[in-house]
């Protein structure tokens, strides 16, 4: 463990924080999958489709705020690492007034759009009222969350991600309890999902503000501390993260809106199910990696280039192990899983899942690139390129939907093609340039150990499937566990380096 002034960099702390993030996300995914299955077996696709449409609209919401919030956590962490505590109230006081102004505009504009949603999207007449109510609630809830965001840097500064995840687990349990109550007492309707989410998110945001202010008292508004040049610097930094966020929206969520226009309710539902797996796995890795942001920023601020490179390569290796453990069996057993989970009506969701999952061998090795770009102030290089590639992905998606009958499969295929090309042709090269390492380092220290467990376990999973396809949940679980045991055995036996083996031995000795 080392300490860079006020930011502690500890492998143990990062590991615990990351593990807690993954566990918190796993709970959320479990509830989400149960809820989807419960609703889809009890309501029509036309009613269910309102949920992905409304939630897809809400992913555009961060664009109104990320100009102002995109860099606040990074700059607060940097100030804290350097011991410049007097700068923190200036950062908060400079960014909050414009954030309030934008929040007001967003609230009014979002309400106006919600009340006229049927004029812009294909909503079944009997579902217009529910869609309006759902979007209004989400707009109000999101405005509060964005206004709270500058104050939540305290958890990043103090690396209290375990505590943050405990609050997140409490929020998810509250949402789950409310959702179960509403669904079982009032009946299956998609609007209960939004109502339960808004109530739990509001309580969560207020609690976090109070706690973050206690952790870092400097996170406060002060009269006379507004600095135009500081607001401009934060906004300039946030410009590129906003462009990156816009690209991310085009990458997965725009397909829901386009399928609503070009496809059917079943197309939207199948895409939403497949994309949910991708987004949940991606966000799980993102949450685990996010715990490294303060450490990466401190390494860059104090010119610890060697350790920065080591962390990025290690992160790519770990992300590959995590994602491929889930993605590989999903590719092999997608048909069986969808048949058991949703039935034949949504069979094309299996190919959507496959196309999303085969992205991971190319993106996981670069898991820490976005955080590294932020830490090293390479946001323009990373996010501008991400936007360009994702824009071409959107064009390709429109072409598939306009000139083919592939529906949800065509929308996903366009994303798969553009993502793989972008990673190989640009992002792998950019990452190696930032950390000053060669492709041989990436191949030897990330790709070979990162892919090996999936290859070994994949042979087992494919062999079991060829012998007999799983026809029940018990058989599917048994097959998955069998391959997972091989996956873990290969990982522990052949893929850990000396330092990781030493850390594992220490952990085993303590237990």
Protein backbone atom coordinates (compact mmCIF):
# COMPACT_ATOMS: atom_id res chain seq x y z
CA UNK A 1 0.00 0.00 0.00
CA UNK A 2 1.23 3.52 -0.81
CA UNK A 3 -0.13 6.92 0.02
CA UNK A 4 0.04 9.88 -2.34
CA UNK A 5 -0.50 12.74 0.08
CA UNK A 6 -4.21 12.48 0.81
CA UNK A 7 -5.20 9.69 -1.61
CA UNK A 8 -4.42 6.16 -0.43
CA UNK A 9 -3.56 3.69 -3.20
CA UNK A 10 -4.05 0.17 -1.89
CA UNK A 11 -4.60 -3.03 -3.88
CA UNK A 12 -6.54 -4.44 -0.93
CA UNK A 13 -8.78 -1.38 -0.70
CA UNK A 14 -9.40 -1.37 -4.44
CA UNK A 15 -10.17 -5.11 -4.42
CA UNK A 16 -12.65 -4.78 -1.55
CA UNK A 17 -14.29 -1.75 -3.15
CA UNK A 18 -14.53 -3.49 -6.52
CA UNK A 19 -15.94 -6.69 -5.00
CA UNK A 20 -18.60 -4.73 -3.15
CA UNK A 21 -19.52 -2.96 -6.39
CA UNK A 22 -19.92 -6.27 -8.20
CA UNK A 23 -22.05 -7.75 -5.41
CA UNK A 24 -24.28 -4.68 -5.34
CA UNK A 25 -24.74 -4.88 -9.09
CA UNK A 26 -25.44 -8.61 -8.97
CA UNK A 27 -28.34 -7.99 -6.60
CA UNK A 28 -29.72 -5.34 -8.93
CA UNK A 29 -29.43 -7.61 -11.98
CA UNK A 30 -31.18 -10.45 -10.16
CA UNK A 31 -34.16 -8.25 -9.37
CA UNK A 32 -34.19 -6.87 -12.90
CA UNK A 33 -34.25 -10.29 -14.56
CA UNK A 34 -36.99 -11.52 -12.24
CA UNK A 35 -39.06 -8.42 -12.94
CA UNK A 36 -38.74 -8.77 -16.74
CA UNK A 37 -39.82 -12.39 -16.67
CA UNK A 38 -42.68 -11.69 -14.27
CA UNK A 39 -44.09 -8.90 -16.43
CA UNK A 40 -43.56 -10.50 -19.85
CA UNK A 41 -45.53 -13.57 -18.77
CA UNK A 42 -48.44 -11.42 -17.56
CA UNK A 43 -48.74 -8.41 -19.86
CA UNK A 44 -48.62 -7.87 -23.61
CA UNK A 45 -45.51 -6.81 -25.52
CA UNK A 46 -47.34 -3.57 -26.41
CA UNK A 47 -47.64 -2.67 -22.73
CA UNK A 48 -44.15 -3.83 -21.74
CA UNK A 49 -42.53 -1.90 -24.58
CA UNK A 50 -43.43 1.39 -22.87
CA UNK A 51 -40.78 0.66 -20.23
CA UNK A 52 -37.76 0.34 -22.58
CA UNK A 53 -38.99 3.30 -24.63
CA UNK A 54 -39.30 5.60 -21.62
CA UNK A 55 -36.02 4.46 -20.06
CA UNK A 56 -34.26 4.85 -23.42
CA UNK A 57 -35.48 8.43 -23.60
CA UNK A 58 -34.06 9.09 -20.15
CA UNK A 59 -30.54 8.11 -21.22
CA UNK A 60 -30.46 11.38 -23.16
CA UNK A 61 -30.98 13.27 -19.90
CA UNK A 62 -27.32 13.24 -18.75
CA UNK A 63 -26.40 15.24 -21.86
CA UNK A 64 -28.07 18.28 -20.30
CA UNK A 65 -25.84 18.05 -17.24
CA UNK A 66 -22.60 16.32 -18.16
CA UNK A 67 -21.13 19.57 -19.51
CA UNK A 68 -21.04 20.61 -15.86
CA UNK A 69 -20.62 17.33 -13.99
CA UNK A 70 -18.26 15.46 -16.33
CA UNK A 71 -15.09 16.70 -14.64
CA UNK A 72 -16.12 17.70 -11.12
CA UNK A 73 -15.16 14.43 -9.41
CA UNK A 74 -11.83 14.28 -11.22
CA UNK A 75 -10.88 17.84 -10.24
CA UNK A 76 -12.00 17.43 -6.63
CA UNK A 77 -9.93 14.25 -6.31
CA UNK A 78 -6.91 16.01 -7.81
CA UNK A 79 -7.26 18.96 -5.41
CA UNK A 80 -7.57 16.61 -2.45
CA UNK A 81 -4.55 14.55 -3.57
CA UNK A 82 -2.44 17.71 -3.69
CA UNK A 83 -3.74 18.96 -0.35
CA UNK A 84 -5.37 22.01 -1.95
CA UNK A 85 -8.50 21.88 0.22
CA UNK A 86 -9.34 25.56 -0.29
CA UNK A 87 -9.97 24.86 -3.97
CA UNK A 88 -12.78 22.37 -3.31
CA UNK A 89 -15.46 24.93 -2.23
CA UNK A 90 -14.46 27.02 -5.26
CA UNK A 91 -15.04 24.02 -7.55
CA UNK A 92 -18.45 23.30 -6.03
CA UNK A 93 -19.54 26.96 -5.90
CA UNK A 94 -18.46 27.53 -9.50
CA UNK A 95 -20.34 24.61 -11.00
CA UNK A 96 -23.56 24.53 -8.97
CA UNK A 97 -25.26 27.78 -10.19
CA UNK A 98 -25.12 26.85 -13.90
CA UNK A 99 -26.21 23.34 -12.94
CA UNK A 100 -29.35 24.73 -11.29
CA UNK A 101 -30.13 26.82 -14.37
CA UNK A 102 -29.80 23.82 -16.68
CA UNK A 103 -31.81 21.69 -14.25
CA UNK A 104 -34.70 24.14 -14.44
CA UNK A 105 -34.65 24.11 -18.24
CA UNK A 106 -34.47 20.33 -18.28
CA UNK A 107 -37.38 19.97 -15.86
CA UNK A 108 -39.66 22.27 -17.89
CA UNK A 109 -38.63 20.83 -21.26
CA UNK A 110 -38.88 17.25 -20.05
CA UNK A 111 -42.37 17.84 -18.67
CA UNK A 112 -43.50 19.36 -21.97
CA UNK A 113 -42.13 16.40 -23.93
CA UNK A 114 -43.70 13.89 -21.54
CA UNK A 115 -47.15 15.44 -21.88
CA UNK A 116 -46.90 15.13 -25.67
CA UNK A 117 -45.01 11.84 -25.94
CA UNK A 118 -47.59 10.22 -28.21
CA UNK A 119 -46.84 12.86 -30.88
CA UNK A 120 -43.22 11.73 -31.17
CA UNK A 121 -43.29 7.97 -30.55
CA UNK A 122 -45.48 4.97 -31.33
CA UNK A 123 -47.35 4.44 -28.08
CA UNK A 124 -50.49 2.30 -27.89
CA UNK A 125 -53.44 4.65 -27.18
CA UNK A 126 -54.36 2.86 -23.96
CA UNK A 127 -50.74 3.28 -22.70
CA UNK A 128 -50.30 7.02 -23.39
CA UNK A 129 -51.35 8.09 -19.90
CA UNK A 130 -48.98 5.61 -18.25
CA UNK A 131 -46.12 6.65 -20.52
CA UNK A 132 -46.69 10.31 -19.67
CA UNK A 133 -46.74 9.63 -15.93
CA UNK A 134 -43.66 7.43 -16.07
CA UNK A 135 -41.61 9.99 -17.99
CA UNK A 136 -42.70 12.87 -15.74
CA UNK A 137 -41.62 10.96 -12.64
CA UNK A 138 -38.27 10.02 -14.16
CA UNK A 139 -37.56 13.58 -15.30
CA UNK A 140 -38.18 14.98 -11.80
CA UNK A 141 -36.11 12.23 -10.14
CA UNK A 142 -33.20 12.64 -12.53
CA UNK A 143 -33.08 16.41 -12.00
CA UNK A 144 -32.60 15.85 -8.27
CA UNK A 145 -29.88 13.25 -8.88
CA UNK A 146 -27.92 15.61 -11.14
CA UNK A 147 -28.12 18.49 -8.67
CA UNK A 148 -26.73 16.15 -6.02
CA UNK A 149 -23.84 14.89 -8.13
CA UNK A 150 -21.19 17.57 -7.34
CA UNK A 151 -21.49 16.82 -3.63
CA UNK A 152 -21.03 13.08 -4.06
CA UNK A 153 -17.35 13.45 -4.89
CA UNK A 154 -16.74 12.87 -1.19
CA UNK A 155 -17.16 9.12 -1.65
CA UNK A 156 -14.56 9.16 -4.46
CA UNK A 157 -12.12 11.33 -2.52
CA UNK A 158 -12.25 9.12 0.55
CA UNK A 159 -12.63 5.93 -1.51
CA UNK A 160 -15.69 4.94 0.47
CA UNK A 161 -17.03 2.78 -2.31
CA UNK A 162 -17.99 -0.02 0.08
CA UNK A 163 -20.16 2.41 1.99
CA UNK A 164 -21.54 3.80 -1.27
CA UNK A 165 -22.39 0.28 -2.40
CA UNK A 166 -24.09 -0.48 0.91
CA UNK A 167 -26.29 2.55 0.35
CA UNK A 168 -26.90 1.23 -3.16
CA UNK A 169 -27.86 -2.20 -1.84
CA UNK A 170 -30.26 -0.56 0.62
CA UNK A 171 -31.77 1.40 -2.27
CA UNK A 172 -32.14 -1.76 -4.37
CA UNK A 173 -33.74 -3.64 -1.49
CA UNK A 174 -36.16 -0.77 -0.99
CA UNK A 175 -36.97 -0.71 -4.70
CA UNK A 176 -37.39 -4.48 -4.73
CA UNK A 177 -39.70 -4.38 -1.73
CA UNK A 178 -41.79 -1.57 -3.18
CA UNK A 179 -41.93 -3.27 -6.57
CA UNK A 180 -43.04 -6.58 -5.09
CA UNK A 181 -45.70 -4.82 -3.05
CA UNK A 182 -47.05 -2.86 -6.00
CA UNK A 183 -46.99 -5.82 -8.43
CA UNK A 184 -48.53 -8.33 -6.06
CA UNK A 185 -51.03 -6.01 -4.37
CA UNK A 186 -52.11 -3.76 -7.25
CA UNK A 187 -51.41 -6.11 -10.17
CA UNK A 188 -48.79 -6.40 -12.97
CA UNK A 189 -48.30 -2.99 -14.61
CA UNK A 190 -45.07 -1.46 -15.92
CA UNK A 191 -45.70 1.85 -14.18
CA UNK A 192 -44.94 0.25 -10.79
CA UNK A 193 -41.35 -0.26 -11.93
CA UNK A 194 -40.89 3.48 -12.37
CA UNK A 195 -42.74 4.46 -9.20
CA UNK A 196 -40.66 2.08 -7.08
CA UNK A 197 -37.48 3.34 -8.76
CA UNK A 198 -38.27 7.03 -8.26
CA UNK A 199 -39.14 6.65 -4.57
CA UNK A 200 -35.99 4.66 -3.76
CA UNK A 201 -33.71 6.88 -5.89
CA UNK A 202 -34.99 10.07 -4.24
CA UNK A 203 -34.35 8.78 -0.72
CA UNK A 204 -30.96 7.46 -1.89
CA UNK A 205 -29.85 10.82 -3.35
CA UNK A 206 -30.80 12.81 -0.25
CA UNK A 207 -29.00 10.32 2.01
CA UNK A 208 -25.85 10.43 -0.09
CA UNK A 209 -25.68 14.23 -0.04
CA UNK A 210 -25.82 14.29 3.76
CA UNK A 211 -23.21 11.56 4.13
CA UNK A 212 -20.81 12.96 1.51
CA UNK A 213 -20.84 16.37 3.17
CA UNK A 214 -19.88 14.68 6.43
CA UNK A 215 -17.00 12.77 4.78
CA UNK A 216 -15.56 15.88 3.09
CA UNK A 217 -16.80 19.06 4.79
CA UNK A 218 -15.11 21.14 2.07
CA UNK A 219 -17.82 19.99 -0.36
CA UNK A 220 -20.01 23.02 0.22
CA UNK A 221 -21.36 26.10 -1.44
CA UNK A 222 -19.82 29.37 -0.32
CA UNK A 223 -20.98 32.85 -1.16
CA UNK A 224 -18.45 34.77 -3.22
CA UNK A 225 -16.55 31.61 -4.27
CA UNK A 226 -17.92 31.45 -7.80
CA UNK A 227 -15.09 31.71 -10.32
CA UNK A 228 -15.92 32.10 -13.98
CA UNK A 229 -12.57 30.68 -15.15
CA UNK A 230 -13.09 27.62 -12.94
CA UNK A 231 -16.59 27.05 -14.29
CA UNK A 232 -15.19 27.39 -17.81
CA UNK A 233 -12.43 24.86 -17.14
CA UNK A 234 -14.86 22.32 -15.71
CA UNK A 235 -17.28 22.88 -18.58
CA UNK A 236 -14.53 22.48 -21.17
CA UNK A 237 -13.49 19.19 -19.58
CA UNK A 238 -17.13 18.12 -19.43
CA UNK A 239 -17.63 18.92 -23.12
CA UNK A 240 -15.65 15.87 -24.18
CA UNK A 241 -17.24 13.56 -21.63
CA UNK A 242 -20.60 14.80 -22.93
CA UNK A 243 -19.62 13.91 -26.48
CA UNK A 244 -18.56 10.50 -25.23
CA UNK A 245 -21.85 10.07 -23.42
CA UNK A 246 -23.77 11.05 -26.55
CA UNK A 247 -21.84 8.41 -28.46
CA UNK A 248 -22.69 5.86 -25.80
CA UNK A 249 -26.37 6.72 -26.15
CA UNK A 250 -26.19 6.22 -29.90
CA UNK A 251 -24.32 2.99 -29.28
CA UNK A 252 -27.06 1.01 -27.54
CA UNK A 253 -30.10 3.07 -26.57
CA UNK A 254 -30.91 4.73 -29.90
CA UNK A 255 -31.73 1.28 -31.26
CA UNK A 256 -34.77 1.09 -28.97
CA UNK A 257 -36.16 4.32 -30.43
CA UNK A 258 -35.35 3.28 -34.01
CA UNK A 259 -36.93 -0.14 -33.53
CA UNK A 260 -40.01 1.61 -32.17
CA UNK A 261 -40.20 3.41 -35.53
CA UNK A 262 -39.03 0.68 -37.93
CA UNK A 263 -39.93 -2.51 -36.08
CA UNK A 264 -42.53 -4.11 -33.84
CA UNK A 265 -43.10 -4.30 -30.10
CA UNK A 266 -41.51 -7.76 -30.13
CA UNK A 267 -38.42 -6.34 -31.88
CA UNK A 268 -38.07 -3.67 -29.19
CA UNK A 269 -38.54 -6.21 -26.40
CA UNK A 270 -36.03 -8.70 -27.85
CA UNK A 271 -33.43 -6.00 -28.32
CA UNK A 272 -34.07 -4.61 -24.84
CA UNK A 273 -33.60 -8.03 -23.23
CA UNK A 274 -30.35 -8.69 -25.09
CA UNK A 275 -29.03 -5.18 -24.54
CA UNK A 276 -29.89 -5.42 -20.85
CA UNK A 277 -27.40 -8.26 -20.42
CA UNK A 278 -24.74 -6.23 -22.20
CA UNK A 279 -25.43 -3.04 -20.26
CA UNK A 280 -25.56 -4.82 -16.91
CA UNK A 281 -22.29 -6.68 -17.46
CA UNK A 282 -20.70 -3.51 -18.81
CA UNK A 283 -21.91 -1.39 -15.93
CA UNK A 284 -20.81 -4.03 -13.40
CA UNK A 285 -17.26 -3.89 -14.75
CA UNK A 286 -17.54 -0.11 -14.92
CA UNK A 287 -18.59 0.12 -11.27
CA UNK A 288 -15.76 -2.16 -10.18
CA UNK A 289 -13.27 -0.16 -12.26
CA UNK A 290 -14.65 3.18 -11.08
CA UNK A 291 -13.12 2.53 -7.67
CA UNK A 292 -9.73 3.00 -9.37
CA UNK A 293 -10.47 6.52 -10.64
CA UNK A 294 -9.06 8.33 -7.57
CA UNK A 295 -5.93 6.16 -7.63
CA UNK A 296 -5.38 6.63 -11.38
CA UNK A 297 -5.81 10.38 -11.02
CA UNK A 298 -3.34 10.48 -8.13
CA UNK A 299 -0.80 8.41 -10.08
CA UNK A 300 -0.97 10.84 -12.98
CA UNK A 301 -0.95 13.93 -10.76
CA UNK A 302 2.24 12.70 -9.07
CA UNK A 303 3.85 11.34 -12.28
CA UNK A 304 3.82 7.66 -11.26
CA UNK A 305 3.84 6.42 -14.88
CA UNK A 306 5.07 2.90 -14.21
CA UNK A 307 2.34 2.12 -11.72
CA UNK A 308 -0.29 3.70 -13.95
CA UNK A 309 0.66 1.35 -16.81
CA UNK A 310 0.73 -1.68 -14.52
CA UNK A 311 -2.73 -0.85 -13.20
CA UNK A 312 -4.23 -0.44 -16.68
CA UNK A 313 -2.86 -3.79 -17.88
CA UNK A 314 -3.96 -5.55 -14.72
CA UNK A 315 -7.42 -4.01 -15.04
CA UNK A 316 -7.75 -5.30 -18.62
CA UNK A 317 -6.82 -8.79 -17.48
CA UNK A 318 -9.27 -8.79 -14.58
CA UNK A 319 -12.08 -7.35 -16.70
CA UNK A 320 -11.55 -10.09 -19.29
CA UNK A 321 -11.81 -12.77 -16.61
CA UNK A 322 -15.04 -11.30 -15.23
CA UNK A 323 -16.84 -10.60 -18.49
CA UNK A 324 -15.88 -13.78 -20.35
CA UNK A 325 -16.98 -15.94 -17.43
CA UNK A 326 -20.52 -14.69 -18.13
CA UNK A 327 -20.35 -13.93 -21.85
CA UNK A 328 -18.97 -17.30 -22.99
CA UNK A 329 -21.79 -19.52 -21.63
CA UNK A 330 -24.36 -16.93 -22.73
CA UNK A 331 -23.12 -17.28 -26.31
CA UNK A 332 -23.19 -21.08 -26.18
CA UNK A 333 -26.49 -21.49 -24.33
CA UNK A 334 -28.39 -18.41 -25.53
CA UNK A 335 -31.06 -20.43 -27.38
CA UNK A 336 -31.75 -22.63 -24.39
CA UNK A 337 -31.72 -19.70 -21.99
CA UNK A 338 -34.19 -17.59 -23.99
CA UNK A 339 -36.48 -20.58 -24.51
CA UNK A 340 -36.62 -21.26 -20.77
CA UNK A 341 -36.72 -17.59 -19.77
CA UNK A 342 -39.20 -16.07 -22.24
CA UNK A 343 -40.51 -18.73 -24.61
CA UNK A 344 -40.51 -19.03 -28.39
CA UNK A 345 -42.24 -15.68 -29.01
CA UNK A 346 -39.02 -13.85 -28.19
CA UNK A 347 -36.61 -16.33 -29.81
CA UNK A 348 -34.65 -13.69 -31.75
CA UNK A 349 -33.42 -12.34 -28.40
CA UNK A 350 -30.94 -15.26 -28.37
CA UNK A 351 -29.08 -13.95 -31.43
CA UNK A 352 -29.16 -10.43 -29.96
CA UNK A 353 -27.48 -11.78 -26.83
CA UNK A 354 -24.83 -13.61 -28.88
CA UNK A 355 -23.97 -10.51 -30.92
CA UNK A 356 -23.60 -8.41 -27.79
CA UNK A 357 -21.52 -11.00 -25.94
CA UNK A 358 -18.93 -11.48 -28.71
CA UNK A 359 -18.00 -7.83 -28.25
CA UNK A 360 -16.38 -8.48 -24.88
CA UNK A 361 -13.12 -10.13 -26.01
CA UNK A 362 -12.35 -6.83 -27.74
CA UNK A 363 -13.58 -4.31 -25.17
CA UNK A 364 -12.60 -5.95 -21.88
CA UNK A 365 -8.81 -5.60 -22.36
CA UNK A 366 -9.42 -1.85 -22.59
CA UNK A 367 -11.68 -1.71 -19.52
CA UNK A 368 -9.66 1.05 -17.84
CA UNK A 369 -9.10 3.18 -20.94
CA UNK A 370 -12.00 5.62 -20.29
CA UNK A 371 -10.88 6.17 -16.69
CA UNK A 372 -7.25 6.48 -17.77
CA UNK A 373 -8.18 9.06 -20.41
CA UNK A 374 -9.96 11.11 -17.75
CA UNK A 375 -7.13 10.76 -15.25
CA UNK A 376 -4.47 11.77 -17.81
CA UNK A 377 -6.60 14.55 -19.36
CA UNK A 378 -6.79 12.71 -22.68
CA UNK A 379 -10.56 13.16 -22.83
CA UNK A 380 -10.53 14.85 -26.24
CA UNK A 381 -8.58 12.05 -27.92
CA UNK A 382 -10.70 9.30 -26.39
CA UNK A 383 -14.22 10.71 -26.40
CA UNK A 384 -14.06 12.41 -29.80
CA UNK A 385 -12.94 9.13 -31.41
CA UNK A 386 -15.60 7.21 -29.48
CA UNK A 387 -18.25 9.60 -30.75
CA UNK A 388 -17.12 9.27 -34.38
CA UNK A 389 -17.13 5.46 -34.32
CA UNK A 390 -20.47 5.34 -32.53
CA UNK A 391 -21.95 7.81 -35.02
CA UNK A 392 -20.96 5.50 -37.87
CA UNK A 393 -22.52 2.68 -35.88
CA UNK A 394 -25.79 4.64 -35.78
CA UNK A 395 -25.68 5.18 -39.55
CA UNK A 396 -25.04 1.47 -40.09
CA UNK A 397 -27.93 0.66 -37.77
CA UNK A 398 -30.33 2.89 -39.72
CA UNK A 399 -29.18 1.21 -42.95
CA UNK A 400 -29.81 -2.28 -41.55
CA UNK A 401 -33.27 -1.30 -40.30
CA UNK A 402 -34.19 0.54 -43.50
CA UNK A 403 -33.01 -1.97 -46.10
CA UNK A 404 -33.28 -5.33 -44.35
CA UNK A 405 -35.89 -7.24 -42.37
CA UNK A 406 -33.45 -8.21 -39.63
CA UNK A 407 -35.09 -6.04 -36.96
CA UNK A 408 -33.46 -6.36 -33.54
CA UNK A 409 -30.76 -8.65 -34.93
CA UNK A 410 -29.79 -6.08 -37.57
CA UNK A 411 -29.61 -3.27 -35.02
CA UNK A 412 -27.31 -5.34 -32.81
CA UNK A 413 -25.16 -6.56 -35.69
CA UNK A 414 -24.34 -2.97 -36.66
CA UNK A 415 -23.14 -2.26 -33.12
CA UNK A 416 -21.04 -5.43 -33.01
CA UNK A 417 -19.29 -4.66 -36.30
CA UNK A 418 -18.44 -1.05 -35.47
CA UNK A 419 -17.30 -1.85 -31.92
CA UNK A 420 -14.87 -4.58 -32.92
CA UNK A 421 -13.39 -2.43 -35.69
CA UNK A 422 -13.06 0.58 -33.38
CA UNK A 423 -11.26 -1.40 -30.70
CA UNK A 424 -8.75 -3.03 -33.03
CA UNK A 425 -8.10 -0.03 -35.27
CA UNK A 426 -7.96 2.73 -32.67
CA UNK A 427 -8.63 2.17 -28.96
CA UNK A 428 -6.06 -0.57 -28.37
CA UNK A 429 -3.46 1.66 -30.02
CA UNK A 430 -4.54 4.74 -28.02
CA UNK A 431 -4.39 2.88 -24.72
CA UNK A 432 -0.88 1.55 -25.37
CA UNK A 433 0.23 5.05 -26.36
CA UNK A 434 -1.12 6.64 -23.17
CA UNK A 435 0.56 4.10 -20.88
CA UNK A 436 3.68 3.83 -23.07
CA UNK A 437 3.55 0.08 -23.58
CA UNK A 438 3.83 -2.19 -26.66
CA UNK A 439 1.39 -4.64 -28.20
CA UNK A 440 3.60 -7.50 -27.00
CA UNK A 441 2.95 -6.31 -23.43
CA UNK A 442 -0.79 -6.33 -24.12
CA UNK A 443 -0.65 -9.77 -25.75
CA UNK A 444 1.53 -11.37 -23.08
CA UNK A 445 0.02 -9.77 -19.99
CA UNK A 446 -3.64 -9.29 -20.93
CA UNK A 447 -4.83 -11.25 -23.95
CA UNK A 448 -3.23 -14.65 -23.31
CA UNK A 449 -4.08 -14.91 -19.59
CA UNK A 450 -7.38 -13.08 -20.13
CA UNK A 451 -8.69 -15.42 -22.86
CA UNK A 452 -7.27 -18.77 -21.71
CA UNK A 453 -9.90 -19.63 -19.05
CA UNK A 454 -12.74 -18.85 -21.49
CA UNK A 455 -11.21 -21.03 -24.21
CA UNK A 456 -10.76 -23.99 -21.86
CA UNK A 457 -14.21 -23.67 -20.30
CA UNK A 458 -15.76 -23.03 -23.71
CA UNK A 459 -14.61 -26.46 -24.89
CA UNK A 460 -16.41 -28.03 -21.92
CA UNK A 461 -19.59 -25.96 -22.42
CA UNK A 462 -19.74 -26.74 -26.16
CA UNK A 463 -19.12 -30.46 -25.56
CA UNK A 464 -21.96 -30.65 -23.05
CA UNK A 465 -24.29 -28.78 -25.41
CA UNK A 466 -23.42 -31.04 -28.36
CA UNK A 467 -24.07 -34.11 -26.24
CA UNK A 468 -27.49 -32.84 -25.18
CA UNK A 469 -28.97 -29.35 -25.16
CA UNK A 470 -30.20 -28.23 -21.72
CA UNK A 471 -33.97 -28.68 -21.47
CA UNK A 472 -34.52 -27.39 -17.94
CA UNK A 473 -33.15 -24.77 -15.59
CA UNK A 474 -31.48 -27.45 -13.49
CA UNK A 475 -29.65 -28.85 -16.51
CA UNK A 476 -28.64 -25.37 -17.70
CA UNK A 477 -27.30 -24.49 -14.26
CA UNK A 478 -25.43 -27.80 -14.01
CA UNK A 479 -23.79 -27.25 -17.41
CA UNK A 480 -22.86 -23.67 -16.49
CA UNK A 481 -21.32 -24.68 -13.17
CA UNK A 482 -19.32 -27.51 -14.78
CA UNK A 483 -17.69 -25.15 -17.24
CA UNK A 484 -17.23 -22.47 -14.58
CA UNK A 485 -15.22 -24.91 -12.44
CA UNK A 486 -12.87 -25.49 -15.36
CA UNK A 487 -12.73 -21.72 -15.95
CA UNK A 488 -11.67 -21.04 -12.37
CA UNK A 489 -9.21 -23.96 -12.33
CA UNK A 490 -7.41 -22.70 -15.45
CA UNK A 491 -7.45 -19.13 -14.16
CA UNK A 492 -5.94 -20.03 -10.79
CA UNK A 493 -3.60 -22.68 -12.13
CA UNK A 494 -2.08 -20.98 -15.16
CA UNK A 495 -3.12 -17.32 -15.51
CA UNK A 496 -2.10 -15.55 -12.30
CA UNK A 497 1.27 -13.80 -12.15
CA UNK A 498 3.68 -14.07 -9.22
CA UNK A 499 2.28 -11.06 -7.40
CA UNK A 500 -1.30 -12.28 -7.76
CA UNK A 501 -0.33 -15.76 -6.53
CA UNK A 502 1.36 -14.20 -3.49
CA UNK A 503 -1.73 -12.08 -2.78
CA UNK A 504 -3.95 -15.17 -3.13
CA UNK A 505 -1.75 -17.17 -0.73
CA UNK A 506 -1.96 -14.36 1.84
CA UNK A 507 -5.72 -14.30 1.49
CA UNK A 508 -5.98 -18.08 1.87
CA UNK A 509 -3.68 -18.01 4.94
CA UNK A 510 -5.85 -15.38 6.63
CA UNK A 511 -9.04 -17.31 5.95
